[in-house]
Protein backbone atom coordinates (compact mmCIF):
# COMPACT_ATOMS: atom_id res chain seq x y z
CA MET A 1 -8.83 -46.59 12.61
CA LYS A 2 -11.42 -43.77 12.70
CA LYS A 3 -9.13 -41.72 14.95
CA ALA A 4 -6.24 -42.16 12.50
CA LEU A 5 -8.42 -41.09 9.55
CA PHE A 6 -9.75 -38.11 11.50
CA LEU A 7 -6.22 -37.08 12.50
CA THR A 8 -5.02 -37.43 8.88
CA ALA A 9 -7.94 -35.31 7.63
CA LEU A 10 -7.29 -32.70 10.33
CA LEU A 11 -3.60 -32.49 9.42
CA ALA A 12 -4.45 -32.22 5.71
CA ALA A 13 -6.89 -29.37 6.44
CA ALA A 14 -4.27 -27.62 8.58
CA GLY A 15 -1.74 -28.02 5.75
CA ALA A 16 -4.20 -26.54 3.24
CA ALA A 17 -4.84 -23.59 5.55
CA GLN A 18 -1.08 -23.15 5.98
CA ALA A 19 -0.68 -23.08 2.19
CA GLN A 20 -3.14 -20.17 2.09
CA SER A 21 -0.97 -18.12 4.47
CA GLY A 22 2.33 -16.45 3.70
CA THR A 23 4.65 -13.49 3.81
CA TYR A 24 5.17 -11.53 0.61
CA ALA A 25 7.88 -8.98 -0.19
CA ILE A 26 6.80 -5.87 -2.08
CA ASP A 27 8.18 -6.01 -5.62
CA PRO A 28 9.49 -2.47 -6.23
CA THR A 29 9.52 -2.99 -10.01
CA HIS A 30 5.76 -3.67 -10.03
CA THR A 31 4.74 -1.33 -7.22
CA GLN A 32 4.03 2.37 -7.72
CA VAL A 33 2.54 5.02 -5.46
CA PHE A 34 1.08 7.98 -7.35
CA PHE A 35 -0.64 11.15 -6.17
CA GLU A 36 -3.07 13.49 -7.88
CA ALA A 37 -3.88 16.97 -6.57
CA LYS A 38 -5.75 19.85 -8.13
CA HIS A 39 -3.68 22.98 -8.78
CA PHE A 40 -5.77 25.94 -7.67
CA GLY A 41 -8.86 23.98 -8.73
CA THR A 42 -7.77 23.86 -12.38
CA SER A 43 -5.43 21.19 -13.77
CA THR A 44 -4.34 18.08 -11.90
CA ASN A 45 -0.75 17.79 -10.70
CA ARG A 46 0.53 14.23 -10.70
CA GLY A 47 3.63 12.57 -9.31
CA ARG A 48 4.99 9.45 -7.71
CA TRP A 49 7.53 8.14 -5.24
CA ASP A 50 10.22 6.07 -6.94
CA LYS A 51 11.69 4.33 -3.86
CA LYS A 52 9.50 2.10 -1.72
CA GLU A 53 9.76 -1.13 0.24
CA GLY A 54 7.62 -3.32 2.41
CA THR A 55 5.99 -6.62 3.21
CA VAL A 56 2.54 -8.16 3.18
CA THR A 57 1.37 -11.00 5.38
CA LEU A 58 -1.71 -12.59 3.91
CA ASP A 59 -3.88 -15.45 5.16
CA LYS A 60 -6.51 -16.01 2.50
CA ALA A 61 -8.21 -18.81 4.44
CA ALA A 62 -8.62 -16.70 7.59
CA LYS A 63 -9.22 -13.55 5.51
CA THR A 64 -6.64 -11.58 7.49
CA GLY A 65 -3.42 -9.81 6.74
CA LYS A 66 -1.01 -7.01 7.41
CA VAL A 67 0.79 -4.68 5.04
CA GLU A 68 3.71 -2.38 5.76
CA LEU A 69 4.78 0.00 2.99
CA THR A 70 7.49 2.63 3.45
CA LEU A 71 8.11 5.46 0.98
CA ASP A 72 11.39 7.32 0.63
CA MET A 73 9.94 10.83 0.49
CA SER A 74 13.05 12.26 -1.20
CA SER A 75 12.25 10.09 -4.23
CA ILE A 76 9.19 12.15 -5.16
CA SER A 77 9.06 12.77 -8.91
CA THR A 78 6.69 14.92 -10.94
CA GLY A 79 9.01 15.21 -13.94
CA ILE A 80 9.57 18.90 -13.11
CA GLY A 81 12.72 19.47 -11.04
CA PRO A 82 11.78 22.82 -9.44
CA PHE A 83 8.33 21.47 -8.47
CA ASP A 84 9.95 18.36 -6.95
CA GLY A 85 12.21 20.66 -4.93
CA HIS A 86 9.20 22.64 -3.65
CA LEU A 87 7.41 19.42 -2.66
CA LYS A 88 10.50 18.20 -0.79
CA GLY A 89 10.73 21.49 1.14
CA ASN A 90 9.03 22.64 4.33
CA ASP A 91 5.86 23.86 2.57
CA PHE A 92 4.94 20.26 1.77
CA PHE A 93 6.85 17.13 2.87
CA ALA A 94 9.92 18.52 4.70
CA VAL A 95 11.93 15.49 3.61
CA GLU A 96 15.11 16.46 5.46
CA GLN A 97 13.22 16.30 8.76
CA PHE A 98 10.76 13.54 7.76
CA PRO A 99 12.54 11.28 5.23
CA THR A 100 9.94 8.50 5.13
CA ALA A 101 6.20 7.95 5.13
CA LYS A 102 4.75 4.63 6.25
CA PHE A 103 1.42 2.86 5.86
CA VAL A 104 0.63 -0.04 8.20
CA GLY A 105 -2.66 -1.76 7.44
CA ASP A 106 -4.04 -4.68 9.41
CA LYS A 107 -7.78 -4.60 8.77
CA PHE A 108 -8.46 -6.53 5.56
CA VAL A 109 -11.92 -6.85 4.04
CA PHE A 110 -12.43 -9.61 1.47
CA ASN A 111 -15.02 -10.04 -1.23
CA GLY A 112 -14.92 -13.81 -1.68
CA ASP A 113 -11.24 -14.66 -2.06
CA LYS A 114 -10.25 -11.16 -3.25
CA VAL A 115 -9.02 -8.32 -1.02
CA ALA A 116 -11.61 -5.51 -1.23
CA SER A 117 -9.97 -2.99 1.12
CA VAL A 118 -7.20 -2.52 3.65
CA SER A 119 -7.51 -0.10 6.57
CA GLY A 120 -4.66 1.09 8.70
CA MET A 121 -2.57 4.06 9.74
CA LEU A 122 -0.54 6.41 7.54
CA THR A 123 2.37 8.22 9.18
CA LEU A 124 3.57 11.29 7.32
CA ARG A 125 5.48 14.27 8.75
CA ASP A 126 5.41 12.50 12.14
CA LYS A 127 1.59 12.56 12.24
CA THR A 128 -0.46 9.37 12.11
CA ASN A 129 -4.04 9.14 10.86
CA PRO A 130 -6.35 6.34 9.69
CA VAL A 131 -6.61 5.56 5.98
CA THR A 132 -8.62 2.98 4.04
CA LEU A 133 -7.30 1.78 0.70
CA THR A 134 -10.04 0.45 -1.58
CA ALA A 135 -9.13 -2.23 -4.11
CA THR A 136 -10.25 -1.67 -7.68
CA SER A 137 -8.63 -4.99 -8.64
CA PHE A 138 -6.85 -7.84 -6.82
CA ASN A 139 -5.42 -11.16 -7.94
CA CYS A 140 -2.83 -13.81 -7.12
CA TYR A 141 -0.95 -15.86 -9.71
CA GLU A 142 1.99 -18.23 -10.04
CA GLN A 143 4.89 -16.17 -11.44
CA PRO A 144 6.31 -18.39 -14.21
CA ARG A 145 9.91 -17.20 -13.97
CA LEU A 146 10.18 -17.17 -10.16
CA LYS A 147 7.92 -20.22 -9.61
CA ARG A 148 6.34 -18.40 -6.67
CA GLU A 149 2.96 -16.88 -5.96
CA VAL A 150 2.54 -13.16 -6.53
CA CYS A 151 -0.44 -11.24 -5.15
CA GLY A 152 -1.37 -7.67 -5.85
CA GLY A 153 -3.75 -5.16 -7.25
CA ASP A 154 -4.73 -1.56 -7.63
CA PHE A 155 -5.80 0.43 -4.56
CA GLU A 156 -6.90 4.02 -4.07
CA THR A 157 -7.95 6.53 -1.45
CA THR A 158 -8.39 10.28 -1.04
CA ILE A 159 -6.83 11.99 1.95
CA GLN A 160 -7.02 15.52 3.34
CA ARG A 161 -3.34 16.54 3.39
CA SER A 162 -3.85 19.08 6.18
CA GLN A 163 -4.43 16.18 8.61
CA TRP A 164 -0.69 15.48 8.25
CA GLY A 165 0.38 19.12 8.56
CA VAL A 166 0.67 19.68 4.79
CA SER A 167 -1.57 22.72 4.61
CA TYR A 168 0.40 25.01 2.27
CA GLY A 169 -2.00 26.98 0.06
CA VAL A 170 -5.24 25.58 1.54
CA PRO A 171 -7.97 26.40 0.54
CA ALA A 172 -6.80 27.97 -2.75
CA ILE A 173 -4.86 24.74 -3.43
CA PRO A 174 -7.41 22.05 -2.50
CA ASP A 175 -6.81 19.90 0.57
CA ALA A 176 -7.86 16.63 -1.11
CA VAL A 177 -5.12 14.42 -2.55
CA ARG A 178 -5.90 11.20 -4.36
CA LEU A 179 -3.46 8.32 -3.83
CA LEU A 180 -3.26 5.48 -6.35
CA ILE A 181 -1.27 2.41 -5.35
CA GLN A 182 -0.34 -0.32 -7.79
CA VAL A 183 1.23 -3.16 -5.82
CA GLU A 184 2.58 -6.64 -6.39
CA ALA A 185 4.25 -8.73 -3.71
CA ILE A 186 6.19 -11.99 -4.08
CA LYS A 187 5.60 -14.88 -1.66
CA GLN A 188 8.71 -15.65 0.33
CA PRO A 189 9.94 -19.23 0.82
């Protein structure tokens, strides 16, 4: 009888741990990737990428995960057509030659049950360098319309663009670029 109770408890614990783990699809309608960069040390230029896709694997019980986020670099938008064209050209992102950028993060740090940071590798212009995204907020909730869990938050980091071969105008145009990522991902059945 004790063995049966122990086995039942073990299976229940395994089921609870399984419920904490899942694969989530990035929701493009609630996910944005913005950049901020100083223009000759004066005003701040801002823009975003409108097309993105990816997945998140999250195990809250084990405090592990993996995120893959791909940006369509041709979807960059600052609201100023000629500036967008310059950013798409060879001085900056060379989107004809390098149409996507990709972040793959597999080192999650938790603060309690909340994701505090995700470290991984950012590939841009065919160069790959480490990046850590720091969470300024993180939460999971039951989406009432979809009846599925959604997890997400706000993340940020500052990179030195020259590490990826985007060195046009440095140092007059500062090397530092701030990235702000707002992300929500929907748990898949």
